[in-house]
Amino acid sequence: MKIRLMKYIKKYSTMIMVCSLCLNAAFIAIIDGMRDSAEQAFDQLIIAESKMSDIKHDLEDLKAEQEVEQAEAK
């Protein structure tokens, strides 16, 4: 009886370990994909902030030019 029980324990413990390894590998793949997505989103955010800053400076330059033109017109 004990020998039969030990066989089942060995068989199922091996299956559980294999399943656990597969789940760990899947989890690592998911986390890696999420990390890549987060890096891309962060890079896009930096680009968007840079473009916003450029637009803001362009608007300030246009306002300054308009003020100069208005001053010259007077």
PDB file of N, CA and C in Angstrom:
ATOM      1  N   MET A   1       0.815  -1.198   0.000  1.00  0.00           N
ATOM      2  CA  MET A   1       0.000   0.000   0.000  1.00  0.00           C
ATOM      3  C   MET A   1       0.859   1.262   0.000  1.00  0.00           C
ATOM      4  N   LYS A   2       1.895   1.264   0.835  1.00  0.00           N
ATOM      5  CA  LYS A   2       2.767   2.434   0.901  1.00  0.00           C
ATOM      6  C   LYS A   2       3.518   2.638  -0.415  1.00  0.00           C
ATOM      7  N   ILE A   3       3.921   1.556  -1.040  1.00  0.00           N
ATOM      8  CA  ILE A   3       4.661   1.657  -2.303  1.00  0.00           C
ATOM      9  C   ILE A   3       3.763   2.256  -3.381  1.00  0.00           C
ATOM     10  N   ARG A   4       2.526   1.813  -3.435  1.00  0.00           N
ATOM     11  CA  ARG A   4       1.581   2.339  -4.418  1.00  0.00           C
ATOM     12  C   ARG A   4       1.334   3.834  -4.162  1.00  0.00           C
ATOM     13  N   LEU A   5       1.191   4.193  -2.899  1.00  0.00           N
ATOM     14  CA  LEU A   5       0.976   5.590  -2.533  1.00  0.00           C
ATOM     15  C   LEU A   5       2.177   6.440  -2.928  1.00  0.00           C
ATOM     16  N   MET A   6       3.369   5.938  -2.700  1.00  0.00           N
ATOM     17  CA  MET A   6       4.586   6.662  -3.063  1.00  0.00           C
ATOM     18  C   MET A   6       4.680   6.852  -4.578  1.00  0.00           C
ATOM     19  N   LYS A   7       4.244   5.844  -5.356  1.00  0.00           N
ATOM     20  CA  LYS A   7       4.241   5.971  -6.816  1.00  0.00           C
ATOM     21  C   LYS A   7       3.346   7.123  -7.254  1.00  0.00           C
ATOM     22  N   TYR A   8       2.155   7.170  -6.678  1.00  0.00           N
ATOM     23  CA  TYR A   8       1.217   8.237  -7.032  1.00  0.00           C
ATOM     24  C   TYR A   8       1.749   9.608  -6.615  1.00  0.00           C
ATOM     25  N   ILE A   9       2.343   9.660  -5.442  1.00  0.00           N
ATOM     26  CA  ILE A   9       2.905  10.932  -4.976  1.00  0.00           C
ATOM     27  C   ILE A   9       4.008  11.387  -5.922  1.00  0.00           C
ATOM     28  N   LYS A  10       4.884  10.472  -6.298  1.00  0.00           N
ATOM     29  CA  LYS A  10       5.979  10.818  -7.205  1.00  0.00           C
ATOM     30  C   LYS A  10       5.434  11.258  -8.565  1.00  0.00           C
ATOM     31  N   LYS A  11       4.462  10.518  -9.083  1.00  0.00           N
ATOM     32  CA  LYS A  11       3.880  10.825 -10.392  1.00  0.00           C
ATOM     33  C   LYS A  11       3.219  12.201 -10.379  1.00  0.00           C
ATOM     34  N   TYR A  12       2.378  12.448  -9.394  1.00  0.00           N
ATOM     35  CA  TYR A  12       1.636  13.703  -9.370  1.00  0.00           C
ATOM     36  C   TYR A  12       2.503  14.886  -8.955  1.00  0.00           C
ATOM     37  N   SER A  13       3.503  14.645  -8.121  1.00  0.00           N
ATOM     38  CA  SER A  13       4.382  15.754  -7.753  1.00  0.00           C
ATOM     39  C   SER A  13       5.195  16.207  -8.963  1.00  0.00           C
ATOM     40  N   THR A  14       5.594  15.266  -9.801  1.00  0.00           N
ATOM     41  CA  THR A  14       6.307  15.622 -11.033  1.00  0.00           C
ATOM     42  C   THR A  14       5.391  16.424 -11.959  1.00  0.00           C
ATOM     43  N   MET A  15       4.153  15.986 -12.085  1.00  0.00           N
ATOM     44  CA  MET A  15       3.202  16.720 -12.932  1.00  0.00           C
ATOM     45  C   MET A  15       2.970  18.128 -12.387  1.00  0.00           C
ATOM     46  N   ILE A  16       2.854  18.244 -11.081  1.00  0.00           N
ATOM     47  CA  ILE A  16       2.634  19.553 -10.468  1.00  0.00           C
ATOM     48  C   ILE A  16       3.839  20.454 -10.698  1.00  0.00           C
ATOM     49  N   MET A  17       5.042  19.911 -10.579  1.00  0.00           N
ATOM     50  CA  MET A  17       6.244  20.713 -10.815  1.00  0.00           C
ATOM     51  C   MET A  17       6.308  21.191 -12.260  1.00  0.00           C
ATOM     52  N   VAL A  18       5.983  20.322 -13.209  1.00  0.00           N
ATOM     53  CA  VAL A  18       5.994  20.701 -14.628  1.00  0.00           C
ATOM     54  C   VAL A  18       4.958  21.793 -14.887  1.00  0.00           C
ATOM     55  N   CYS A  19       3.763  21.629 -14.333  1.00  0.00           N
ATOM     56  CA  CYS A  19       2.722  22.651 -14.498  1.00  0.00           C
ATOM     57  C   CYS A  19       3.160  23.976 -13.886  1.00  0.00           C
ATOM     58  N   SER A  20       3.791  23.900 -12.737  1.00  0.00           N
ATOM     59  CA  SER A  20       4.274  25.106 -12.071  1.00  0.00           C
ATOM     60  C   SER A  20       5.325  25.813 -12.921  1.00  0.00           C
ATOM     61  N   LEU A  21       6.236  25.046 -13.498  1.00  0.00           N
ATOM     62  CA  LEU A  21       7.256  25.638 -14.368  1.00  0.00           C
ATOM     63  C   LEU A  21       6.624  26.291 -15.594  1.00  0.00           C
ATOM     64  N   CYS A  22       5.632  25.632 -16.175  1.00  0.00           N
ATOM     65  CA  CYS A  22       4.940  26.200 -17.339  1.00  0.00           C
ATOM     66  C   CYS A  22       4.236  27.501 -16.972  1.00  0.00           C
ATOM     67  N   LEU A  23       3.576  27.507 -15.829  1.00  0.00           N
ATOM     68  CA  LEU A  23       2.894  28.729 -15.387  1.00  0.00           C
ATOM     69  C   LEU A  23       3.890  29.849 -15.111  1.00  0.00           C
ATOM     70  N   ASN A  24       5.023  29.513 -14.515  1.00  0.00           N
ATOM     71  CA  ASN A  24       6.055  30.523 -14.273  1.00  0.00           C
ATOM     72  C   ASN A  24       6.579  31.095 -15.585  1.00  0.00           C
ATOM     73  N   ALA A  25       6.804  30.237 -16.566  1.00  0.00           N
ATOM     74  CA  ALA A  25       7.284  30.708 -17.867  1.00  0.00           C
ATOM     75  C   ALA A  25       6.248  31.617 -18.526  1.00  0.00           C
ATOM     76  N   ALA A  26       4.981  31.248 -18.439  1.00  0.00           N
ATOM     77  CA  ALA A  26       3.922  32.086 -19.013  1.00  0.00           C
ATOM     78  C   ALA A  26       3.847  33.424 -18.289  1.00  0.00           C
ATOM     79  N   PHE A  27       3.961  33.399 -16.984  1.00  0.00           N
ATOM     80  CA  PHE A  27       3.925  34.628 -16.197  1.00  0.00           C
ATOM     81  C   PHE A  27       5.081  35.547 -16.571  1.00  0.00           C
ATOM     82  N   ILE A  28       6.270  34.970 -16.728  1.00  0.00           N
ATOM     83  CA  ILE A  28       7.436  35.766 -17.118  1.00  0.00           C
ATOM     84  C   ILE A  28       7.219  36.380 -18.497  1.00  0.00           C
ATOM     85  N   ALA A  29       6.661  35.630 -19.426  1.00  0.00           N
ATOM     86  CA  ALA A  29       6.399  36.153 -20.772  1.00  0.00           C
ATOM     87  C   ALA A  29       5.398  37.301 -20.717  1.00  0.00           C
ATOM     88  N   ILE A  30       4.366  37.162 -19.902  1.00  0.00           N
ATOM     89  CA  ILE A  30       3.358  38.223 -19.779  1.00  0.00           C
ATOM     90  C   ILE A  30       3.977  39.473 -19.176  1.00  0.00           C
ATOM     91  N   ILE A  31       4.748  39.307 -18.110  1.00  0.00           N
ATOM     92  CA  ILE A  31       5.379  40.448 -17.448  1.00  0.00           C
ATOM     93  C   ILE A  31       6.352  41.137 -18.396  1.00  0.00           C
ATOM     94  N   ASP A  32       7.103  40.355 -19.169  1.00  0.00           N
ATOM     95  CA  ASP A  32       8.047  40.936 -20.122  1.00  0.00           C
ATOM     96  C   ASP A  32       7.310  41.753 -21.176  1.00  0.00           C
ATOM     97  N   GLY A  33       6.180  41.232 -21.655  1.00  0.00           N
ATOM     98  CA  GLY A  33       5.373  41.978 -22.626  1.00  0.00           C
ATOM     99  C   GLY A  33       4.831  43.266 -22.032  1.00  0.00           C
ATOM    100  N   MET A  34       4.409  43.205 -20.783  1.00  0.00           N
ATOM    101  CA  MET A  34       3.899  44.406 -20.121  1.00  0.00           C
ATOM    102  C   MET A  34       5.014  45.434 -19.943  1.00  0.00           C
ATOM    103  N   ARG A  35       6.218  44.966 -19.641  1.00  0.00           N
ATOM    104  CA  ARG A  35       7.357  45.868 -19.468  1.00  0.00           C
ATOM    105  C   ARG A  35       7.668  46.574 -20.790  1.00  0.00           C
ATOM    106  N   ASP A  36       7.665  45.820 -21.875  1.00  0.00           N
ATOM    107  CA  ASP A  36       7.920  46.414 -23.186  1.00  0.00           C
ATOM    108  C   ASP A  36       6.858  47.451 -23.535  1.00  0.00           C
ATOM    109  N   SER A  37       5.604  47.139 -23.241  1.00  0.00           N
ATOM    110  CA  SER A  37       4.516  48.086 -23.513  1.00  0.00           C
ATOM    111  C   SER A  37       4.677  49.348 -22.684  1.00  0.00           C
ATOM    112  N   ALA A  38       5.070  49.187 -21.441  1.00  0.00           N
ATOM    113  CA  ALA A  38       5.264  50.346 -20.566  1.00  0.00           C
ATOM    114  C   ALA A  38       6.418  51.209 -21.058  1.00  0.00           C
ATOM    115  N   GLU A  39       7.488  50.578 -21.519  1.00  0.00           N
ATOM    116  CA  GLU A  39       8.620  51.336 -22.053  1.00  0.00           C
ATOM    117  C   GLU A  39       8.203  52.121 -23.295  1.00  0.00           C
ATOM    118  N   GLN A  40       7.439  51.498 -24.175  1.00  0.00           N
ATOM    119  CA  GLN A  40       6.979  52.187 -25.380  1.00  0.00           C
ATOM    120  C   GLN A  40       6.068  53.352 -25.027  1.00  0.00           C
ATOM    121  N   ALA A  41       5.181  53.144 -24.071  1.00  0.00           N
ATOM    122  CA  ALA A  41       4.273  54.215 -23.655  1.00  0.00           C
ATOM    123  C   ALA A  41       5.061  55.370 -23.049  1.00  0.00           C
ATOM    124  N   PHE A  42       6.068  55.064 -22.255  1.00  0.00           N
ATOM    125  CA  PHE A  42       6.887  56.105 -21.645  1.00  0.00           C
ATOM    126  C   PHE A  42       7.655  56.876 -22.713  1.00  0.00           C
ATOM    127  N   ASP A  43       8.208  56.164 -23.697  1.00  0.00           N
ATOM    128  CA  ASP A  43       8.911  56.829 -24.798  1.00  0.00           C
ATOM    129  C   ASP A  43       7.967  57.748 -25.572  1.00  0.00           C
ATOM    130  N   GLN A  44       6.745  57.284 -25.831  1.00  0.00           N
ATOM    131  CA  GLN A  44       5.766  58.107 -26.539  1.00  0.00           C
ATOM    132  C   GLN A  44       5.377  59.327 -25.713  1.00  0.00           C
ATOM    133  N   LEU A  45       5.305  59.170 -24.406  1.00  0.00           N
ATOM    134  CA  LEU A  45       4.989  60.292 -23.527  1.00  0.00           C
ATOM    135  C   LEU A  45       6.089  61.343 -23.582  1.00  0.00           C
ATOM    136  N   ILE A  46       7.329  60.912 -23.586  1.00  0.00           N
ATOM    137  CA  ILE A  46       8.451  61.847 -23.676  1.00  0.00           C
ATOM    138  C   ILE A  46       8.403  62.598 -25.001  1.00  0.00           C
ATOM    139  N   ILE A  47       8.118  61.902 -26.090  1.00  0.00           N
ATOM    140  CA  ILE A  47       8.020  62.546 -27.406  1.00  0.00           C
ATOM    141  C   ILE A  47       6.879  63.552 -27.417  1.00  0.00           C
ATOM    142  N   ALA A  48       5.735  63.171 -26.852  1.00  0.00           N
ATOM    143  CA  ALA A  48       4.579  64.072 -26.816  1.00  0.00           C
ATOM    144  C   ALA A  48       4.882  65.315 -25.988  1.00  0.00           C
ATOM    145  N   GLU A  49       5.560  65.152 -24.859  1.00  0.00           N
ATOM    146  CA  GLU A  49       5.922  66.304 -24.034  1.00  0.00           C
ATOM    147  C   GLU A  49       6.874  67.226 -24.781  1.00  0.00           C
ATOM    148  N   SER A  50       7.796  66.648 -25.518  1.00  0.00           N
ATOM    149  CA  SER A  50       8.736  67.445 -26.305  1.00  0.00           C
ATOM    150  C   SER A  50       8.000  68.240 -27.379  1.00  0.00           C
ATOM    151  N   LYS A  51       7.057  67.591 -28.066  1.00  0.00           N
ATOM    152  CA  LYS A  51       6.279  68.286 -29.094  1.00  0.00           C
ATOM    153  C   LYS A  51       5.431  69.390 -28.482  1.00  0.00           C
ATOM    154  N   MET A  52       4.841  69.128 -27.306  1.00  0.00           N
ATOM    155  CA  MET A  52       4.040  70.153 -26.626  1.00  0.00           C
ATOM    156  C   MET A  52       4.911  71.353 -26.268  1.00  0.00           C
ATOM    157  N   SER A  53       6.118  71.085 -25.814  1.00  0.00           N
ATOM    158  CA  SER A  53       7.042  72.158 -25.464  1.00  0.00           C
ATOM    159  C   SER A  53       7.402  72.974 -26.705  1.00  0.00           C
ATOM    160  N   ASP A  54       7.645  72.293 -27.825  1.00  0.00           N
ATOM    161  CA  ASP A  54       7.953  72.999 -29.075  1.00  0.00           C
ATOM    162  C   ASP A  54       6.784  73.874 -29.510  1.00  0.00           C
ATOM    163  N   ILE A  55       5.574  73.348 -29.412  1.00  0.00           N
ATOM    164  CA  ILE A  55       4.384  74.118 -29.794  1.00  0.00           C
ATOM    165  C   ILE A  55       4.229  75.332 -28.891  1.00  0.00           C
ATOM    166  N   LYS A  56       4.472  75.139 -27.603  1.00  0.00           N
ATOM    167  CA  LYS A  56       4.365  76.247 -26.649  1.00  0.00           C
ATOM    168  C   LYS A  56       5.362  77.346 -26.993  1.00  0.00           C
ATOM    169  N   HIS A  57       6.592  76.966 -27.320  1.00  0.00           N
ATOM    170  CA  HIS A  57       7.599  77.963 -27.694  1.00  0.00           C
ATOM    171  C   HIS A  57       7.225  78.661 -29.003  1.00  0.00           C
ATOM    172  N   ASP A  58       6.681  77.908 -29.954  1.00  0.00           N
ATOM    173  CA  ASP A  58       6.244  78.513 -31.213  1.00  0.00           C
ATOM    174  C   ASP A  58       5.134  79.528 -30.972  1.00  0.00           C
ATOM    175  N   LEU A  59       4.190  79.197 -30.097  1.00  0.00           N
ATOM    176  CA  LEU A  59       3.108  80.136 -29.779  1.00  0.00           C
ATOM    177  C   LEU A  59       3.650  81.392 -29.114  1.00  0.00           C
ATOM    178  N   GLU A  60       4.599  81.225 -28.213  1.00  0.00           N
ATOM    179  CA  GLU A  60       5.204  82.384 -27.560  1.00  0.00           C
ATOM    180  C   GLU A  60       5.916  83.261 -28.585  1.00  0.00           C
ATOM    181  N   ASP A  61       6.619  82.636 -29.537  1.00  0.00           N
ATOM    182  CA  ASP A  61       7.298  83.400 -30.589  1.00  0.00           C
ATOM    183  C   ASP A  61       6.292  84.155 -31.452  1.00  0.00           C
ATOM    184  N   LEU A  62       5.175  83.505 -31.803  1.00  0.00           N
ATOM    185  CA  LEU A  62       4.147  84.169 -32.608  1.00  0.00           C
ATOM    186  C   LEU A  62       3.530  85.347 -31.858  1.00  0.00           C
ATOM    187  N   LYS A  63       3.279  85.174 -30.572  1.00  0.00           N
ATOM    188  CA  LYS A  63       2.733  86.271 -29.773  1.00  0.00           C
ATOM    189  C   LYS A  63       3.703  87.437 -29.726  1.00  0.00           C
ATOM    190  N   ALA A  64       4.982  87.132 -29.566  1.00  0.00           N
ATOM    191  CA  ALA A  64       5.995  88.190 -29.535  1.00  0.00           C
ATOM    192  C   ALA A  64       6.054  88.912 -30.880  1.00  0.00           C
ATOM    193  N   GLU A  65       5.970  88.169 -31.972  1.00  0.00           N
ATOM    194  CA  GLU A  65       5.977  88.788 -33.301  1.00  0.00           C
ATOM    195  C   GLU A  65       4.750  89.673 -33.496  1.00  0.00           C
ATOM    196  N   GLN A  66       3.599  89.218 -33.042  1.00  0.00           N
ATOM    197  CA  GLN A  66       2.378  90.019 -33.160  1.00  0.00           C
ATOM    198  C   GLN A  66       2.488  91.303 -32.355  1.00  0.00           C
ATOM    199  N   GLU A  67       3.067  91.211 -31.169  1.00  0.00           N
ATOM    200  CA  GLU A  67       3.235  92.402 -30.344  1.00  0.00           C
ATOM    201  C   GLU A  67       4.166  93.396 -31.022  1.00  0.00           C
ATOM    202  N   VAL A  68       5.228  92.885 -31.634  1.00  0.00           N
ATOM    203  CA  VAL A  68       6.164  93.768 -32.343  1.00  0.00           C
ATOM    204  C   VAL A  68       5.463  94.412 -33.530  1.00  0.00           C
ATOM    205  N   GLU A  69       4.695  93.638 -34.291  1.00  0.00           N
ATOM    206  CA  GLU A  69       3.977  94.181 -35.448  1.00  0.00           C
ATOM    207  C   GLU A  69       2.949  95.220 -35.016  1.00  0.00           C
ATOM    208  N   GLN A  70       2.265  94.961 -33.904  1.00  0.00           N
ATOM    209  CA  GLN A  70       1.281  95.924 -33.412  1.00  0.00           C
ATOM    210  C   GLN A  70       1.964  97.197 -32.941  1.00  0.00           C
ATOM    211  N   ALA A  71       3.121  97.051 -32.314  1.00  0.00           N
ATOM    212  CA  ALA A  71       3.856  98.231 -31.848  1.00  0.00           C
ATOM    213  C   ALA A  71       4.356  99.045 -33.037  1.00  0.00           C
ATOM    214  N   GLU A  72       4.791  98.373 -34.097  1.00  0.00           N
ATOM    215  CA  GLU A  72       5.275  99.071 -35.290  1.00  0.00           C
ATOM    216  C   GLU A  72       4.121  99.748 -36.026  1.00  0.00           C
ATOM    217  N   ALA A  73       2.954  99.123 -35.973  1.00  0.00           N
ATOM    218  CA  ALA A  73       1.796  99.689 -36.671  1.00  0.00           C
ATOM    219  C   ALA A  73       1.325 100.976 -36.000  1.00  0.00           C
ATOM    220  N   LYS A  74       1.561 101.128 -34.726  1.00  0.00           N
ATOM    221  CA  LYS A  74       1.127 102.326 -34.004  1.00  0.00           C
ATOM    222  C   LYS A  74       2.087 103.402 -34.249  1.00  0.00           C
TER     223      LYS A  74
END
